[in-house]
């Protein structure tokens, strides 16, 4: 086997190509995503939302994380069909925590930055 540079961070588990993966595991680029800034850094959520917009997630908005008690950056999803999308978003933003959470309301996915 050739030693290719491991830039993607997925060298341990090869991911299926988008054309052959099941619909449930393919990221839903039409998801409504809210990126919430829980840091003291002004504009940080906007920067992260821009990363997602550039990755094809057009329905991404940024706001402040008022009332979220999480201590670490976390990607939340409510509908089980959004799990693959949440994991894709987490990998794009370098976030390790992905959790299912009920009561998110309108956004399909909420990213809380800490």
PDB file of N, CA and C in Angstrom:
ATOM      1  N   UNK A   1       0.844  -1.193   0.000  1.00  0.00           N
ATOM      2  CA  UNK A   1       0.000   0.000   0.000  1.00  0.00           C
ATOM      3  C   UNK A   1       0.880   1.244   0.000  1.00  0.00           C
ATOM      4  N   UNK A   2       0.463   2.254  -0.712  1.00  0.00           N
ATOM      5  CA  UNK A   2       1.244   3.486  -0.785  1.00  0.00           C
ATOM      6  C   UNK A   2       0.950   4.358   0.420  1.00  0.00           C
ATOM      7  N   UNK A   3       1.924   5.136   0.842  1.00  0.00           N
ATOM      8  CA  UNK A   3       1.756   6.014   1.999  1.00  0.00           C
ATOM      9  C   UNK A   3       1.278   7.375   1.525  1.00  0.00           C
ATOM     10  N   UNK A   4      -0.019   7.519   1.374  1.00  0.00           N
ATOM     11  CA  UNK A   4      -0.591   8.792   0.941  1.00  0.00           C
ATOM     12  C   UNK A   4      -0.723   9.710   2.139  1.00  0.00           C
ATOM     13  N   UNK A   5      -0.584  11.002   1.944  1.00  0.00           N
ATOM     14  CA  UNK A   5      -0.749  11.920   3.091  1.00  0.00           C
ATOM     15  C   UNK A   5      -2.165  11.829   3.660  1.00  0.00           C
ATOM     16  N   UNK A   6      -2.246  11.737   4.970  1.00  0.00           N
ATOM     17  CA  UNK A   6      -3.556  11.593   5.609  1.00  0.00           C
ATOM     18  C   UNK A   6      -4.082  12.963   6.000  1.00  0.00           C
ATOM     19  N   UNK A   7      -4.556  13.709   5.021  1.00  0.00           N
ATOM     20  CA  UNK A   7      -5.021  15.067   5.291  1.00  0.00           C
ATOM     21  C   UNK A   7      -6.449  15.083   5.805  1.00  0.00           C
ATOM     22  N   UNK A   8      -7.248  14.103   5.385  1.00  0.00           N
ATOM     23  CA  UNK A   8      -8.666  14.147   5.716  1.00  0.00           C
ATOM     24  C   UNK A   8      -8.954  13.665   7.132  1.00  0.00           C
ATOM     25  N   UNK A   9      -8.027  12.934   7.734  1.00  0.00           N
ATOM     26  CA  UNK A   9      -8.263  12.437   9.073  1.00  0.00           C
ATOM     27  C   UNK A   9      -9.156  11.220   9.100  1.00  0.00           C
ATOM     28  N   UNK A  10      -9.452  10.646   7.934  1.00  0.00           N
ATOM     29  CA  UNK A  10     -10.333   9.478   7.887  1.00  0.00           C
ATOM     30  C   UNK A  10      -9.578   8.239   7.434  1.00  0.00           C
ATOM     31  N   UNK A  11      -8.256   8.196   7.674  1.00  0.00           N
ATOM     32  CA  UNK A  11      -7.478   7.077   7.172  1.00  0.00           C
ATOM     33  C   UNK A  11      -7.864   5.761   7.833  1.00  0.00           C
ATOM     34  N   UNK A  12      -8.405   5.814   9.049  1.00  0.00           N
ATOM     35  CA  UNK A  12      -8.745   4.581   9.754  1.00  0.00           C
ATOM     36  C   UNK A  12     -10.023   3.943   9.205  1.00  0.00           C
ATOM     37  N   UNK A  13     -10.963   4.761   8.786  1.00  0.00           N
ATOM     38  CA  UNK A  13     -12.218   4.227   8.270  1.00  0.00           C
ATOM     39  C   UNK A  13     -12.492   4.837   6.905  1.00  0.00           C
ATOM     40  N   UNK A  14     -12.320   4.063   5.847  1.00  0.00           N
ATOM     41  CA  UNK A  14     -12.597   4.614   4.517  1.00  0.00           C
ATOM     42  C   UNK A  14     -14.077   4.948   4.391  1.00  0.00           C
ATOM     43  N   UNK A  15     -14.362   6.125   3.874  1.00  0.00           N
ATOM     44  CA  UNK A  15     -15.761   6.513   3.746  1.00  0.00           C
ATOM     45  C   UNK A  15     -16.240   6.183   2.343  1.00  0.00           C
ATOM     46  N   UNK A  16     -17.489   5.761   2.214  1.00  0.00           N
ATOM     47  CA  UNK A  16     -18.012   5.423   0.883  1.00  0.00           C
ATOM     48  C   UNK A  16     -18.113   6.679   0.023  1.00  0.00           C
ATOM     49  N   UNK A  17     -18.002   6.506  -1.265  1.00  0.00           N
ATOM     50  CA  UNK A  17     -18.134   7.656  -2.155  1.00  0.00           C
ATOM     51  C   UNK A  17     -19.586   8.117  -2.131  1.00  0.00           C
ATOM     52  N   UNK A  18     -19.834   9.415  -2.328  1.00  0.00           N
ATOM     53  CA  UNK A  18     -21.212   9.927  -2.238  1.00  0.00           C
ATOM     54  C   UNK A  18     -22.181   9.206  -3.162  1.00  0.00           C
ATOM     55  N   UNK A  19     -21.710   8.717  -4.310  1.00  0.00           N
ATOM     56  CA  UNK A  19     -22.620   8.082  -5.255  1.00  0.00           C
ATOM     57  C   UNK A  19     -23.112   6.724  -4.773  1.00  0.00           C
ATOM     58  N   UNK A  20     -22.329   6.053  -3.911  1.00  0.00           N
ATOM     59  CA  UNK A  20     -22.716   4.712  -3.504  1.00  0.00           C
ATOM     60  C   UNK A  20     -23.251   4.649  -2.080  1.00  0.00           C
ATOM     61  N   UNK A  21     -23.195   5.775  -1.338  1.00  0.00           N
ATOM     62  CA  UNK A  21     -23.640   5.720   0.051  1.00  0.00           C
ATOM     63  C   UNK A  21     -25.163   5.787   0.144  1.00  0.00           C
ATOM     64  N   UNK A  22     -25.698   5.245   1.204  1.00  0.00           N
ATOM     65  CA  UNK A  22     -27.145   5.267   1.405  1.00  0.00           C
ATOM     66  C   UNK A  22     -27.600   6.707   1.642  1.00  0.00           C
ATOM     67  N   UNK A  23     -28.827   6.993   1.288  1.00  0.00           N
ATOM     68  CA  UNK A  23     -29.334   8.358   1.411  1.00  0.00           C
ATOM     69  C   UNK A  23     -29.305   8.840   2.854  1.00  0.00           C
ATOM     70  N   UNK A  24     -29.510   7.926   3.800  1.00  0.00           N
ATOM     71  CA  UNK A  24     -29.573   8.341   5.198  1.00  0.00           C
ATOM     72  C   UNK A  24     -28.219   8.781   5.733  1.00  0.00           C
ATOM     73  N   UNK A  25     -27.125   8.264   5.166  1.00  0.00           N
ATOM     74  CA  UNK A  25     -25.815   8.627   5.682  1.00  0.00           C
ATOM     75  C   UNK A  25     -25.187   9.774   4.895  1.00  0.00           C
ATOM     76  N   UNK A  26     -25.737  10.100   3.741  1.00  0.00           N
ATOM     77  CA  UNK A  26     -25.200  11.216   2.961  1.00  0.00           C
ATOM     78  C   UNK A  26     -25.622  12.524   3.617  1.00  0.00           C
ATOM     79  N   UNK A  27     -24.710  13.491   3.684  1.00  0.00           N
ATOM     80  CA  UNK A  27     -25.075  14.776   4.297  1.00  0.00           C
ATOM     81  C   UNK A  27     -26.203  15.456   3.533  1.00  0.00           C
ATOM     82  N   UNK A  28     -27.134  16.032   4.273  1.00  0.00           N
ATOM     83  CA  UNK A  28     -28.247  16.774   3.685  1.00  0.00           C
ATOM     84  C   UNK A  28     -27.849  18.242   3.615  1.00  0.00           C
ATOM     85  N   UNK A  29     -27.411  18.681   2.436  1.00  0.00           N
ATOM     86  CA  UNK A  29     -26.944  20.058   2.306  1.00  0.00           C
ATOM     87  C   UNK A  29     -28.088  21.067   2.347  1.00  0.00           C
ATOM     88  N   UNK A  30     -29.325  20.580   2.400  1.00  0.00           N
ATOM     89  CA  UNK A  30     -30.466  21.473   2.536  1.00  0.00           C
ATOM     90  C   UNK A  30     -30.890  21.664   3.984  1.00  0.00           C
ATOM     91  N   UNK A  31     -30.129  21.090   4.909  1.00  0.00           N
ATOM     92  CA  UNK A  31     -30.473  21.180   6.334  1.00  0.00           C
ATOM     93  C   UNK A  31     -30.418  22.630   6.808  1.00  0.00           C
ATOM     94  N   UNK A  32     -31.308  22.946   7.749  1.00  0.00           N
ATOM     95  CA  UNK A  32     -31.286  24.265   8.388  1.00  0.00           C
ATOM     96  C   UNK A  32     -30.346  24.166   9.582  1.00  0.00           C
ATOM     97  N   UNK A  33     -29.281  24.946   9.551  1.00  0.00           N
ATOM     98  CA  UNK A  33     -28.230  24.840  10.564  1.00  0.00           C
ATOM     99  C   UNK A  33     -28.076  26.176  11.273  1.00  0.00           C
ATOM    100  N   UNK A  34     -28.043  26.127  12.584  1.00  0.00           N
ATOM    101  CA  UNK A  34     -27.814  27.322  13.386  1.00  0.00           C
ATOM    102  C   UNK A  34     -26.488  27.162  14.107  1.00  0.00           C
ATOM    103  N   UNK A  35     -25.562  28.081  13.858  1.00  0.00           N
ATOM    104  CA  UNK A  35     -24.266  28.064  14.523  1.00  0.00           C
ATOM    105  C   UNK A  35     -24.314  29.109  15.630  1.00  0.00           C
ATOM    106  N   UNK A  36     -24.160  28.655  16.878  1.00  0.00           N
ATOM    107  CA  UNK A  36     -24.308  29.541  18.029  1.00  0.00           C
ATOM    108  C   UNK A  36     -22.968  29.779  18.703  1.00  0.00           C
ATOM    109  N   UNK A  37     -22.643  31.028  18.920  1.00  0.00           N
ATOM    110  CA  UNK A  37     -21.371  31.417  19.509  1.00  0.00           C
ATOM    111  C   UNK A  37     -21.484  31.459  21.022  1.00  0.00           C
ATOM    112  N   UNK A  38     -20.819  30.511  21.681  1.00  0.00           N
ATOM    113  CA  UNK A  38     -20.770  30.496  23.140  1.00  0.00           C
ATOM    114  C   UNK A  38     -19.409  30.924  23.650  1.00  0.00           C
ATOM    115  N   UNK A  39     -18.583  31.476  22.762  1.00  0.00           N
ATOM    116  CA  UNK A  39     -17.259  31.955  23.149  1.00  0.00           C
ATOM    117  C   UNK A  39     -17.325  33.456  23.348  1.00  0.00           C
ATOM    118  N   UNK A  40     -16.255  34.029  23.805  1.00  0.00           N
ATOM    119  CA  UNK A  40     -16.191  35.483  23.939  1.00  0.00           C
ATOM    120  C   UNK A  40     -15.680  36.157  22.682  1.00  0.00           C
ATOM    121  N   UNK A  41     -15.440  35.367  21.632  1.00  0.00           N
ATOM    122  CA  UNK A  41     -14.853  35.901  20.408  1.00  0.00           C
ATOM    123  C   UNK A  41     -15.947  36.421  19.483  1.00  0.00           C
ATOM    124  N   UNK A  42     -15.941  37.724  19.258  1.00  0.00           N
ATOM    125  CA  UNK A  42     -16.942  38.345  18.396  1.00  0.00           C
ATOM    126  C   UNK A  42     -16.793  37.828  16.963  1.00  0.00           C
ATOM    127  N   UNK A  43     -17.907  37.417  16.351  1.00  0.00           N
ATOM    128  CA  UNK A  43     -17.882  36.996  14.958  1.00  0.00           C
ATOM    129  C   UNK A  43     -17.453  35.566  14.715  1.00  0.00           C
ATOM    130  N   UNK A  44     -17.171  34.819  15.790  1.00  0.00           N
ATOM    131  CA  UNK A  44     -16.685  33.446  15.620  1.00  0.00           C
ATOM    132  C   UNK A  44     -17.733  32.544  14.970  1.00  0.00           C
ATOM    133  N   UNK A  45     -18.984  32.655  15.392  1.00  0.00           N
ATOM    134  CA  UNK A  45     -20.038  31.828  14.797  1.00  0.00           C
ATOM    135  C   UNK A  45     -20.190  32.157  13.317  1.00  0.00           C
ATOM    136  N   UNK A  46     -20.054  33.435  12.973  1.00  0.00           N
ATOM    137  CA  UNK A  46     -20.143  33.830  11.574  1.00  0.00           C
ATOM    138  C   UNK A  46     -19.047  33.204  10.732  1.00  0.00           C
ATOM    139  N   UNK A  47     -17.839  33.142  11.292  1.00  0.00           N
ATOM    140  CA  UNK A  47     -16.719  32.515  10.580  1.00  0.00           C
ATOM    141  C   UNK A  47     -17.008  31.032  10.347  1.00  0.00           C
ATOM    142  N   UNK A  48     -17.515  30.357  11.369  1.00  0.00           N
ATOM    143  CA  UNK A  48     -17.802  28.931  11.258  1.00  0.00           C
ATOM    144  C   UNK A  48     -18.965  28.692  10.290  1.00  0.00           C
ATOM    145  N   UNK A  49     -19.973  29.579  10.320  1.00  0.00           N
ATOM    146  CA  UNK A  49     -21.099  29.459   9.394  1.00  0.00           C
ATOM    147  C   UNK A  49     -20.614  29.618   7.954  1.00  0.00           C
ATOM    148  N   UNK A  50     -19.647  30.507   7.739  1.00  0.00           N
ATOM    149  CA  UNK A  50     -19.090  30.704   6.395  1.00  0.00           C
ATOM    150  C   UNK A  50     -18.419  29.431   5.901  1.00  0.00           C
ATOM    151  N   UNK A  51     -17.704  28.736   6.791  1.00  0.00           N
ATOM    152  CA  UNK A  51     -17.078  27.465   6.421  1.00  0.00           C
ATOM    153  C   UNK A  51     -18.149  26.493   5.922  1.00  0.00           C
ATOM    154  N   UNK A  52     -19.268  26.416   6.646  1.00  0.00           N
ATOM    155  CA  UNK A  52     -20.340  25.499   6.253  1.00  0.00           C
ATOM    156  C   UNK A  52     -21.001  25.944   4.956  1.00  0.00           C
ATOM    157  N   UNK A  53     -21.196  27.255   4.786  1.00  0.00           N
ATOM    158  CA  UNK A  53     -21.765  27.758   3.537  1.00  0.00           C
ATOM    159  C   UNK A  53     -20.887  27.359   2.358  1.00  0.00           C
ATOM    160  N   UNK A  54     -19.575  27.505   2.523  1.00  0.00           N
ATOM    161  CA  UNK A  54     -18.640  27.161   1.450  1.00  0.00           C
ATOM    162  C   UNK A  54     -18.629  25.659   1.188  1.00  0.00           C
ATOM    163  N   UNK A  55     -18.993  24.868   2.204  1.00  0.00           N
ATOM    164  CA  UNK A  55     -19.042  23.408   2.048  1.00  0.00           C
ATOM    165  C   UNK A  55     -20.364  22.963   1.419  1.00  0.00           C
ATOM    166  N   UNK A  56     -21.253  23.911   1.116  1.00  0.00           N
ATOM    167  CA  UNK A  56     -22.498  23.576   0.443  1.00  0.00           C
ATOM    168  C   UNK A  56     -23.735  23.627   1.313  1.00  0.00           C
ATOM    169  N   UNK A  57     -23.579  23.972   2.584  1.00  0.00           N
ATOM    170  CA  UNK A  57     -24.739  24.079   3.482  1.00  0.00           C
ATOM    171  C   UNK A  57     -25.280  25.507   3.401  1.00  0.00           C
ATOM    172  N   UNK A  58     -26.229  25.719   2.496  1.00  0.00           N
ATOM    173  CA  UNK A  58     -26.713  27.079   2.236  1.00  0.00           C
ATOM    174  C   UNK A  58     -27.586  27.619   3.361  1.00  0.00           C
ATOM    175  N   UNK A  59     -28.247  26.734   4.111  1.00  0.00           N
ATOM    176  CA  UNK A  59     -29.192  27.182   5.139  1.00  0.00           C
ATOM    177  C   UNK A  59     -28.548  27.374   6.498  1.00  0.00           C
ATOM    178  N   UNK A  60     -27.355  27.952   6.522  1.00  0.00           N
ATOM    179  CA  UNK A  60     -26.617  28.123   7.772  1.00  0.00           C
ATOM    180  C   UNK A  60     -26.699  29.562   8.247  1.00  0.00           C
ATOM    181  N   UNK A  61     -27.041  29.742   9.521  1.00  0.00           N
ATOM    182  CA  UNK A  61     -27.079  31.083  10.101  1.00  0.00           C
ATOM    183  C   UNK A  61     -26.274  31.088  11.393  1.00  0.00           C
ATOM    184  N   UNK A  62     -25.918  32.284  11.849  1.00  0.00           N
ATOM    185  CA  UNK A  62     -25.116  32.424  13.062  1.00  0.00           C
ATOM    186  C   UNK A  62     -25.841  33.298  14.070  1.00  0.00           C
ATOM    187  N   UNK A  63     -25.665  32.985  15.348  1.00  0.00           N
ATOM    188  CA  UNK A  63     -26.267  33.762  16.436  1.00  0.00           C
ATOM    189  C   UNK A  63     -25.448  33.496  17.699  1.00  0.00           C
ATOM    190  N   UNK A  64     -25.883  34.070  18.813  1.00  0.00           N
ATOM    191  CA  UNK A  64     -25.222  33.829  20.092  1.00  0.00           C
ATOM    192  C   UNK A  64     -25.880  32.666  20.821  1.00  0.00           C
ATOM    193  N   UNK A  65     -25.081  31.925  21.579  1.00  0.00           N
ATOM    194  CA  UNK A  65     -25.562  30.727  22.278  1.00  0.00           C
ATOM    195  C   UNK A  65     -26.099  31.092  23.652  1.00  0.00           C
ATOM    196  N   UNK A  66     -27.153  31.861  23.704  1.00  0.00           N
ATOM    197  CA  UNK A  66     -27.745  32.233  24.985  1.00  0.00           C
ATOM    198  C   UNK A  66     -28.528  31.062  25.555  1.00  0.00           C
ATOM    199  N   UNK A  67     -28.241  30.709  26.813  1.00  0.00           N
ATOM    200  CA  UNK A  67     -29.007  29.676  27.479  1.00  0.00           C
ATOM    201  C   UNK A  67     -28.529  28.259  27.252  1.00  0.00           C
ATOM    202  N   UNK A  68     -27.435  28.070  26.521  1.00  0.00           N
ATOM    203  CA  UNK A  68     -26.900  26.716  26.311  1.00  0.00           C
ATOM    204  C   UNK A  68     -25.846  26.435  27.373  1.00  0.00           C
ATOM    205  N   UNK A  69     -26.013  25.328  28.088  1.00  0.00           N
ATOM    206  CA  UNK A  69     -25.150  25.035  29.222  1.00  0.00           C
ATOM    207  C   UNK A  69     -23.923  24.202  28.847  1.00  0.00           C
ATOM    208  N   UNK A  70     -23.838  23.766  27.599  1.00  0.00           N
ATOM    209  CA  UNK A  70     -22.732  22.887  27.220  1.00  0.00           C
ATOM    210  C   UNK A  70     -21.379  23.552  27.444  1.00  0.00           C
ATOM    211  N   UNK A  71     -20.400  22.758  27.879  1.00  0.00           N
ATOM    212  CA  UNK A  71     -19.068  23.276  28.186  1.00  0.00           C
ATOM    213  C   UNK A  71     -18.088  23.106  27.033  1.00  0.00           C
ATOM    214  N   UNK A  72     -18.425  22.245  26.074  1.00  0.00           N
ATOM    215  CA  UNK A  72     -17.544  22.009  24.944  1.00  0.00           C
ATOM    216  C   UNK A  72     -18.319  22.203  23.651  1.00  0.00           C
ATOM    217  N   UNK A  73     -17.609  22.522  22.573  1.00  0.00           N
ATOM    218  CA  UNK A  73     -18.265  22.676  21.270  1.00  0.00           C
ATOM    219  C   UNK A  73     -18.967  21.376  20.915  1.00  0.00           C
ATOM    220  N   UNK A  74     -20.240  21.485  20.533  1.00  0.00           N
ATOM    221  CA  UNK A  74     -21.065  20.310  20.275  1.00  0.00           C
ATOM    222  C   UNK A  74     -21.984  20.575  19.092  1.00  0.00           C
ATOM    223  N   UNK A  75     -22.206  19.539  18.276  1.00  0.00           N
ATOM    224  CA  UNK A  75     -23.178  19.598  17.189  1.00  0.00           C
ATOM    225  C   UNK A  75     -24.391  18.785  17.634  1.00  0.00           C
ATOM    226  N   UNK A  76     -25.559  19.430  17.690  1.00  0.00           N
ATOM    227  CA  UNK A  76     -26.803  18.777  18.105  1.00  0.00           C
ATOM    228  C   UNK A  76     -27.707  18.546  16.902  1.00  0.00           C
ATOM    229  N   UNK A  77     -28.387  17.406  16.898  1.00  0.00           N
ATOM    230  CA  UNK A  77     -29.408  17.139  15.893  1.00  0.00           C
ATOM    231  C   UNK A  77     -30.580  16.485  16.602  1.00  0.00           C
ATOM    232  N   UNK A  78     -31.791  16.628  16.030  1.00  0.00           N
ATOM    233  CA  UNK A  78     -32.968  16.031  16.657  1.00  0.00           C
ATOM    234  C   UNK A  78     -33.436  14.800  15.889  1.00  0.00           C
ATOM    235  N   UNK A  79     -33.624  14.924  14.586  1.00  0.00           N
ATOM    236  CA  UNK A  79     -34.122  13.830  13.758  1.00  0.00           C
ATOM    237  C   UNK A  79     -32.998  12.832  13.493  1.00  0.00           C
ATOM    238  N   UNK A  80     -33.226  11.537  13.760  1.00  0.00           N
ATOM    239  CA  UNK A  80     -32.176  10.536  13.525  1.00  0.00           C
ATOM    240  C   UNK A  80     -31.631  10.564  12.093  1.00  0.00           C
ATOM    241  N   UNK A  81     -32.439  10.996  11.127  1.00  0.00           N
ATOM    242  CA  UNK A  81     -31.968  11.054   9.743  1.00  0.00           C
ATOM    243  C   UNK A  81     -30.911  12.132   9.545  1.00  0.00           C
ATOM    244  N   UNK A  82     -30.750  13.020  10.523  1.00  0.00           N
ATOM    245  CA  UNK A  82     -29.773  14.103  10.428  1.00  0.00           C
ATOM    246  C   UNK A  82     -28.421  13.729  11.041  1.00  0.00           C
ATOM    247  N   UNK A  83     -28.296  12.506  11.574  1.00  0.00           N
ATOM    248  CA  UNK A  83     -27.056  12.129  12.251  1.00  0.00           C
ATOM    249  C   UNK A  83     -25.851  12.227  11.321  1.00  0.00           C
ATOM    250  N   UNK A  84     -25.968  11.693  10.104  1.00  0.00           N
ATOM    251  CA  UNK A  84     -24.853  11.749   9.162  1.00  0.00           C
ATOM    252  C   UNK A  84     -24.475  13.173   8.812  1.00  0.00           C
ATOM    253  N   UNK A  85     -25.487  14.020   8.650  1.00  0.00           N
ATOM    254  CA  UNK A  85     -25.244  15.430   8.345  1.00  0.00           C
ATOM    255  C   UNK A  85     -24.543  16.103   9.520  1.00  0.00           C
ATOM    256  N   UNK A  86     -25.012  15.819  10.740  1.00  0.00           N
ATOM    257  CA  UNK A  86     -24.402  16.410  11.936  1.00  0.00           C
ATOM    258  C   UNK A  86     -22.935  16.001  12.044  1.00  0.00           C
ATOM    259  N   UNK A  87     -22.637  14.727  11.752  1.00  0.00           N
ATOM    260  CA  UNK A  87     -21.252  14.259  11.834  1.00  0.00           C
ATOM    261  C   UNK A  87     -20.387  14.913  10.760  1.00  0.00           C
ATOM    262  N   UNK A  88     -20.968  15.129   9.579  1.00  0.00           N
ATOM    263  CA  UNK A  88     -20.215  15.795   8.505  1.00  0.00           C
ATOM    264  C   UNK A  88     -19.897  17.235   8.904  1.00  0.00           C
ATOM    265  N   UNK A  89     -20.887  17.920   9.465  1.00  0.00           N
ATOM    266  CA  UNK A  89     -20.690  19.302   9.913  1.00  0.00           C
ATOM    267  C   UNK A  89     -19.627  19.350  11.006  1.00  0.00           C
ATOM    268  N   UNK A  90     -19.714  18.421  11.958  1.00  0.00           N
ATOM    269  CA  UNK A  90     -18.736  18.378  13.044  1.00  0.00           C
ATOM    270  C   UNK A  90     -17.324  18.199  12.490  1.00  0.00           C
ATOM    271  N   UNK A  91     -17.170  17.321  11.490  1.00  0.00           N
ATOM    272  CA  UNK A  91     -15.835  17.092  10.945  1.00  0.00           C
ATOM    273  C   UNK A  91     -15.341  18.329  10.192  1.00  0.00           C
ATOM    274  N   UNK A  92     -16.252  19.037   9.529  1.00  0.00           N
ATOM    275  CA  UNK A  92     -15.851  20.250   8.806  1.00  0.00           C
ATOM    276  C   UNK A  92     -15.368  21.334   9.769  1.00  0.00           C
ATOM    277  N   UNK A  93     -15.940  21.357  10.983  1.00  0.00           N
ATOM    278  CA  UNK A  93     -15.605  22.402  11.947  1.00  0.00           C
ATOM    279  C   UNK A  93     -14.597  21.935  12.996  1.00  0.00           C
ATOM    280  N   UNK A  94     -14.175  20.676  12.920  1.00  0.00           N
ATOM    281  CA  UNK A  94     -13.208  20.170  13.884  1.00  0.00           C
ATOM    282  C   UNK A  94     -13.790  19.958  15.273  1.00  0.00           C
ATOM    283  N   UNK A  95     -15.077  19.575  15.325  1.00  0.00           N
ATOM    284  CA  UNK A  95     -15.767  19.353  16.606  1.00  0.00           C
ATOM    285  C   UNK A  95     -15.934  17.849  16.825  1.00  0.00           C
ATOM    286  N   UNK A  96     -15.626  17.389  18.038  1.00  0.00           N
ATOM    287  CA  UNK A  96     -15.686  15.957  18.332  1.00  0.00           C
ATOM    288  C   UNK A  96     -17.041  15.499  18.859  1.00  0.00           C
ATOM    289  N   UNK A  97     -17.799  16.381  19.492  1.00  0.00           N
ATOM    290  CA  UNK A  97     -19.046  15.985  20.144  1.00  0.00           C
ATOM    291  C   UNK A  97     -20.237  16.152  19.212  1.00  0.00           C
ATOM    292  N   UNK A  98     -20.964  15.055  18.983  1.00  0.00           N
ATOM    293  CA  UNK A  98     -22.199  15.070  18.206  1.00  0.00           C
ATOM    294  C   UNK A  98     -23.253  14.375  19.053  1.00  0.00           C
ATOM    295  N   UNK A  99     -24.358  15.059  19.321  1.00  0.00           N
ATOM    296  CA  UNK A  99     -25.380  14.497  20.216  1.00  0.00           C
ATOM    297  C   UNK A  99     -26.775  14.681  19.646  1.00  0.00           C
ATOM    298  N   UNK A 100     -27.637  13.689  19.918  1.00  0.00           N
ATOM    299  CA  UNK A 100     -29.043  13.827  19.577  1.00  0.00           C
ATOM    300  C   UNK A 100     -29.724  14.550  20.727  1.00  0.00           C
ATOM    301  N   UNK A 101     -30.555  15.524  20.402  1.00  0.00           N
ATOM    302  CA  UNK A 101     -31.190  16.360  21.423  1.00  0.00           C
ATOM    303  C   UNK A 101     -32.614  16.657  20.962  1.00  0.00           C
ATOM    304  N   UNK A 102     -33.593  16.478  21.836  1.00  0.00           N
ATOM    305  CA  UNK A 102     -34.967  16.790  21.448  1.00  0.00           C
ATOM    306  C   UNK A 102     -35.267  18.252  21.734  1.00  0.00           C
ATOM    307  N   UNK A 103     -36.256  18.778  21.039  1.00  0.00           N
ATOM    308  CA  UNK A 103     -36.705  20.142  21.291  1.00  0.00           C
ATOM    309  C   UNK A 103     -35.877  21.233  20.637  1.00  0.00           C
ATOM    310  N   UNK A 104     -35.165  20.915  19.558  1.00  0.00           N
ATOM    311  CA  UNK A 104     -34.377  21.945  18.890  1.00  0.00           C
ATOM    312  C   UNK A 104     -35.260  22.959  18.171  1.00  0.00           C
ATOM    313  N   UNK A 105     -36.466  22.522  17.801  1.00  0.00           N
ATOM    314  CA  UNK A 105     -37.361  23.458  17.118  1.00  0.00           C
ATOM    315  C   UNK A 105     -37.081  23.506  15.634  1.00  0.00           C
ATOM    316  N   UNK A 106     -37.005  24.718  15.078  1.00  0.00           N
ATOM    317  CA  UNK A 106     -36.895  24.870  13.637  1.00  0.00           C
ATOM    318  C   UNK A 106     -35.590  24.370  13.041  1.00  0.00           C
ATOM    319  N   UNK A 107     -34.410  24.728  13.583  1.00  0.00           N
ATOM    320  CA  UNK A 107     -33.209  24.253  12.887  1.00  0.00           C
ATOM    321  C   UNK A 107     -33.092  22.736  12.965  1.00  0.00           C
ATOM    322  N   UNK A 108     -32.609  22.131  11.875  1.00  0.00           N
ATOM    323  CA  UNK A 108     -32.361  20.686  11.873  1.00  0.00           C
ATOM    324  C   UNK A 108     -31.148  20.375  12.743  1.00  0.00           C
ATOM    325  N   UNK A 109     -30.180  21.285  12.717  1.00  0.00           N
ATOM    326  CA  UNK A 109     -28.925  21.067  13.429  1.00  0.00           C
ATOM    327  C   UNK A 109     -28.517  22.355  14.118  1.00  0.00           C
ATOM    328  N   UNK A 110     -28.052  22.230  15.369  1.00  0.00           N
ATOM    329  CA  UNK A 110     -27.540  23.377  16.118  1.00  0.00           C
ATOM    330  C   UNK A 110     -26.090  23.085  16.485  1.00  0.00           C
ATOM    331  N   UNK A 111     -25.215  24.035  16.156  1.00  0.00           N
ATOM    332  CA  UNK A 111     -23.796  23.925  16.515  1.00  0.00           C
ATOM    333  C   UNK A 111     -23.553  24.953  17.619  1.00  0.00           C
ATOM    334  N   UNK A 112     -23.118  24.462  18.791  1.00  0.00           N
ATOM    335  CA  UNK A 112     -22.782  25.369  19.889  1.00  0.00           C
ATOM    336  C   UNK A 112     -21.274  25.409  19.990  1.00  0.00           C
ATOM    337  N   UNK A 113     -20.697  26.604  19.835  1.00  0.00           N
ATOM    338  CA  UNK A 113     -19.253  26.778  19.874  1.00  0.00           C
ATOM    339  C   UNK A 113     -18.820  27.199  21.268  1.00  0.00           C
ATOM    340  N   UNK A 114     -17.815  26.503  21.812  1.00  0.00           N
ATOM    341  CA  UNK A 114     -17.272  26.830  23.131  1.00  0.00           C
ATOM    342  C   UNK A 114     -15.772  26.994  23.052  1.00  0.00           C
TER     343      UNK A 114
END
